[in-house]
Amino acid sequence: MHVPDRRSLDPTGKGRIRWSARWKPALNAFAITFADRWPSEGTQQ
C-alpha cells in the first residue's frame, strides 16, 4: 500500500488547523469531565 506524502496533499498545513478545530471541543469536554484526575495548571511547577 502506497502512502502519499502528506505535505503534497496539504502544502499549507490547513488540514492540521481543521483537525484541531474539529477535535478541540471534544478534548475540552474530556478535560472538563476529568479535571479532578490531574493537577490543575496552577499547581504545576
PDB file of N, CA and C in Angstrom:
ATOM      1  N   MET A   1       0.846  -1.188   0.000  1.00  0.00           N
ATOM      2  CA  MET A   1       0.000   0.000   0.000  1.00  0.00           C
ATOM      3  C   MET A   1       0.885   1.242   0.000  1.00  0.00           C
ATOM      4  N   HIS A   2       0.579   2.162  -0.903  1.00  0.00           N
ATOM      5  CA  HIS A   2       1.371   3.389  -1.006  1.00  0.00           C
ATOM      6  C   HIS A   2       0.721   4.497  -0.197  1.00  0.00           C
ATOM      7  N   VAL A   3       1.513   5.138   0.644  1.00  0.00           N
ATOM      8  CA  VAL A   3       1.017   6.265   1.427  1.00  0.00           C
ATOM      9  C   VAL A   3       1.603   7.538   0.831  1.00  0.00           C
ATOM     10  N   PRO A   4       0.781   8.398   0.262  1.00  0.00           N
ATOM     11  CA  PRO A   4       1.305   9.623  -0.349  1.00  0.00           C
ATOM     12  C   PRO A   4       1.883  10.581   0.688  1.00  0.00           C
ATOM     13  N   ASP A   5       2.752  11.434   0.228  1.00  0.00           N
ATOM     14  CA  ASP A   5       3.359  12.430   1.110  1.00  0.00           C
ATOM     15  C   ASP A   5       2.287  13.416   1.551  1.00  0.00           C
ATOM     16  N   ARG A   6       2.114  13.536   2.837  1.00  0.00           N
ATOM     17  CA  ARG A   6       1.051  14.404   3.347  1.00  0.00           C
ATOM     18  C   ARG A   6       1.290  15.865   2.998  1.00  0.00           C
ATOM     19  N   ARG A   7       2.538  16.255   2.894  1.00  0.00           N
ATOM     20  CA  ARG A   7       2.823  17.651   2.564  1.00  0.00           C
ATOM     21  C   ARG A   7       2.325  18.002   1.173  1.00  0.00           C
ATOM     22  N   SER A   8       2.389  17.037   0.262  1.00  0.00           N
ATOM     23  CA  SER A   8       1.935  17.311  -1.097  1.00  0.00           C
ATOM     24  C   SER A   8       0.410  17.437  -1.148  1.00  0.00           C
ATOM     25  N   LEU A   9      -0.275  16.749  -0.246  1.00  0.00           N
ATOM     26  CA  LEU A   9      -1.729  16.841  -0.208  1.00  0.00           C
ATOM     27  C   LEU A   9      -2.194  18.083   0.542  1.00  0.00           C
ATOM     28  N   ASP A  10      -1.391  18.552   1.467  1.00  0.00           N
ATOM     29  CA  ASP A  10      -1.781  19.676   2.316  1.00  0.00           C
ATOM     30  C   ASP A  10      -0.599  20.636   2.444  1.00  0.00           C
ATOM     31  N   PRO A  11      -0.224  21.321   1.350  1.00  0.00           N
ATOM     32  CA  PRO A  11       1.001  22.126   1.366  1.00  0.00           C
ATOM     33  C   PRO A  11       0.956  23.311   2.328  1.00  0.00           C
ATOM     34  N   THR A  12      -0.242  23.796   2.665  1.00  0.00           N
ATOM     35  CA  THR A  12      -0.337  24.966   3.533  1.00  0.00           C
ATOM     36  C   THR A  12      -0.487  24.589   4.997  1.00  0.00           C
ATOM     37  N   GLY A  13      -0.741  23.326   5.291  1.00  0.00           N
ATOM     38  CA  GLY A  13      -0.915  22.904   6.677  1.00  0.00           C
ATOM     39  C   GLY A  13      -2.291  23.202   7.235  1.00  0.00           C
ATOM     40  N   LYS A  14      -3.229  23.605   6.379  1.00  0.00           N
ATOM     41  CA  LYS A  14      -4.559  23.952   6.884  1.00  0.00           C
ATOM     42  C   LYS A  14      -5.325  22.734   7.384  1.00  0.00           C
ATOM     43  N   GLY A  15      -4.974  21.555   6.894  1.00  0.00           N
ATOM     44  CA  GLY A  15      -5.650  20.351   7.366  1.00  0.00           C
ATOM     45  C   GLY A  15      -5.458  20.144   8.857  1.00  0.00           C
ATOM     46  N   ARG A  16      -4.258  20.458   9.333  1.00  0.00           N
ATOM     47  CA  ARG A  16      -3.985  20.317  10.763  1.00  0.00           C
ATOM     48  C   ARG A  16      -4.830  21.300  11.559  1.00  0.00           C
ATOM     49  N   ILE A  17      -4.987  22.513  11.040  1.00  0.00           N
ATOM     50  CA  ILE A  17      -5.809  23.512  11.726  1.00  0.00           C
ATOM     51  C   ILE A  17      -7.258  23.039  11.779  1.00  0.00           C
ATOM     52  N   ARG A  18      -7.748  22.508  10.660  1.00  0.00           N
ATOM     53  CA  ARG A  18      -9.120  21.993  10.647  1.00  0.00           C
ATOM     54  C   ARG A  18      -9.269  20.832  11.611  1.00  0.00           C
ATOM     55  N   TRP A  19      -8.250  19.974  11.702  1.00  0.00           N
ATOM     56  CA  TRP A  19      -8.316  18.829  12.606  1.00  0.00           C
ATOM     57  C   TRP A  19      -8.421  19.311  14.048  1.00  0.00           C
ATOM     58  N   SER A  20      -7.589  20.291  14.418  1.00  0.00           N
ATOM     59  CA  SER A  20      -7.616  20.762  15.801  1.00  0.00           C
ATOM     60  C   SER A  20      -8.911  21.501  16.094  1.00  0.00           C
ATOM     61  N   ALA A  21      -9.431  22.245  15.123  1.00  0.00           N
ATOM     62  CA  ALA A  21     -10.698  22.945  15.333  1.00  0.00           C
ATOM     63  C   ALA A  21     -11.840  21.943  15.517  1.00  0.00           C
ATOM     64  N   ARG A  22     -11.735  20.818  14.828  1.00  0.00           N
ATOM     65  CA  ARG A  22     -12.768  19.798  14.905  1.00  0.00           C
ATOM     66  C   ARG A  22     -12.728  19.048  16.236  1.00  0.00           C
ATOM     67  N   TRP A  23     -11.536  18.789  16.744  1.00  0.00           N
ATOM     68  CA  TRP A  23     -11.392  17.980  17.947  1.00  0.00           C
ATOM     69  C   TRP A  23     -11.320  18.787  19.229  1.00  0.00           C
ATOM     70  N   LYS A  24     -11.045  20.090  19.129  1.00  0.00           N
ATOM     71  CA  LYS A  24     -10.876  20.885  20.345  1.00  0.00           C
ATOM     72  C   LYS A  24     -12.094  20.823  21.264  1.00  0.00           C
ATOM     73  N   PRO A  25     -13.333  20.967  20.755  1.00  0.00           N
ATOM     74  CA  PRO A  25     -14.491  20.870  21.666  1.00  0.00           C
ATOM     75  C   PRO A  25     -14.560  19.534  22.399  1.00  0.00           C
ATOM     76  N   ALA A  26     -14.252  18.451  21.696  1.00  0.00           N
ATOM     77  CA  ALA A  26     -14.288  17.134  22.338  1.00  0.00           C
ATOM     78  C   ALA A  26     -13.194  17.015  23.390  1.00  0.00           C
ATOM     79  N   LEU A  27     -12.002  17.521  23.072  1.00  0.00           N
ATOM     80  CA  LEU A  27     -10.910  17.455  24.040  1.00  0.00           C
ATOM     81  C   LEU A  27     -11.203  18.337  25.246  1.00  0.00           C
ATOM     82  N   ASN A  28     -11.816  19.495  25.030  1.00  0.00           N
ATOM     83  CA  ASN A  28     -12.176  20.357  26.147  1.00  0.00           C
ATOM     84  C   ASN A  28     -13.212  19.682  27.034  1.00  0.00           C
ATOM     85  N   ALA A  29     -14.193  19.029  26.426  1.00  0.00           N
ATOM     86  CA  ALA A  29     -15.209  18.324  27.207  1.00  0.00           C
ATOM     87  C   ALA A  29     -14.566  17.208  28.025  1.00  0.00           C
ATOM     88  N   PHE A  30     -13.616  16.500  27.418  1.00  0.00           N
ATOM     89  CA  PHE A  30     -12.901  15.447  28.134  1.00  0.00           C
ATOM     90  C   PHE A  30     -12.114  16.036  29.300  1.00  0.00           C
ATOM     91  N   ALA A  31     -11.437  17.156  29.062  1.00  0.00           N
ATOM     92  CA  ALA A  31     -10.635  17.787  30.110  1.00  0.00           C
ATOM     93  C   ALA A  31     -11.513  18.260  31.260  1.00  0.00           C
ATOM     94  N   ILE A  32     -12.680  18.808  30.937  1.00  0.00           N
ATOM     95  CA  ILE A  32     -13.593  19.270  31.978  1.00  0.00           C
ATOM     96  C   ILE A  32     -14.129  18.079  32.773  1.00  0.00           C
ATOM     97  N   THR A  33     -14.471  17.007  32.066  1.00  0.00           N
ATOM     98  CA  THR A  33     -15.026  15.826  32.725  1.00  0.00           C
ATOM     99  C   THR A  33     -14.023  15.205  33.688  1.00  0.00           C
ATOM    100  N   PHE A  34     -12.754  15.173  33.284  1.00  0.00           N
ATOM    101  CA  PHE A  34     -11.731  14.512  34.087  1.00  0.00           C
ATOM    102  C   PHE A  34     -10.794  15.510  34.766  1.00  0.00           C
ATOM    103  N   ALA A  35     -11.251  16.746  34.953  1.00  0.00           N
ATOM    104  CA  ALA A  35     -10.395  17.790  35.514  1.00  0.00           C
ATOM    105  C   ALA A  35      -9.878  17.412  36.899  1.00  0.00           C
ATOM    106  N   ASP A  36     -10.655  16.653  37.663  1.00  0.00           N
ATOM    107  CA  ASP A  36     -10.230  16.291  39.018  1.00  0.00           C
ATOM    108  C   ASP A  36      -9.238  15.141  39.028  1.00  0.00           C
ATOM    109  N   ARG A  37      -8.908  14.584  37.866  1.00  0.00           N
ATOM    110  CA  ARG A  37      -7.999  13.438  37.817  1.00  0.00           C
ATOM    111  C   ARG A  37      -6.552  13.829  37.593  1.00  0.00           C
ATOM    112  N   TRP A  38      -6.297  15.071  37.230  1.00  0.00           N
ATOM    113  CA  TRP A  38      -4.908  15.500  37.084  1.00  0.00           C
ATOM    114  C   TRP A  38      -4.764  16.891  37.680  1.00  0.00           C
ATOM    115  N   PRO A  39      -3.547  17.288  38.071  1.00  0.00           N
ATOM    116  CA  PRO A  39      -3.364  18.590  38.719  1.00  0.00           C
ATOM    117  C   PRO A  39      -3.719  19.735  37.790  1.00  0.00           C
ATOM    118  N   SER A  40      -4.250  20.779  38.372  1.00  0.00           N
ATOM    119  CA  SER A  40      -4.590  21.952  37.572  1.00  0.00           C
ATOM    120  C   SER A  40      -3.319  22.686  37.159  1.00  0.00           C
ATOM    121  N   GLU A  41      -3.449  23.585  36.195  1.00  0.00           N
ATOM    122  CA  GLU A  41      -2.280  24.309  35.700  1.00  0.00           C
ATOM    123  C   GLU A  41      -1.642  25.151  36.806  1.00  0.00           C
ATOM    124  N   GLY A  42      -2.447  25.595  37.744  1.00  0.00           N
ATOM    125  CA  GLY A  42      -1.921  26.442  38.808  1.00  0.00           C
ATOM    126  C   GLY A  42      -1.002  25.705  39.764  1.00  0.00           C
ATOM    127  N   THR A  43      -1.107  24.372  39.835  1.00  0.00           N
ATOM    128  CA  THR A  43      -0.281  23.623  40.779  1.00  0.00           C
ATOM    129  C   THR A  43       0.976  23.070  40.134  1.00  0.00           C
ATOM    130  N   GLN A  44       1.079  23.133  38.817  1.00  0.00           N
ATOM    131  CA  GLN A  44       2.274  22.613  38.149  1.00  0.00           C
ATOM    132  C   GLN A  44       3.410  23.613  38.261  1.00  0.00           C
ATOM    133  N   GLN A  45       4.628  23.094  38.415  1.00  0.00           N
ATOM    134  CA  GLN A  45       5.780  23.980  38.566  1.00  0.00           C
ATOM    135  C   GLN A  45       6.714  23.855  37.400  1.00  0.00           C
TER     136      GLN A  45
END
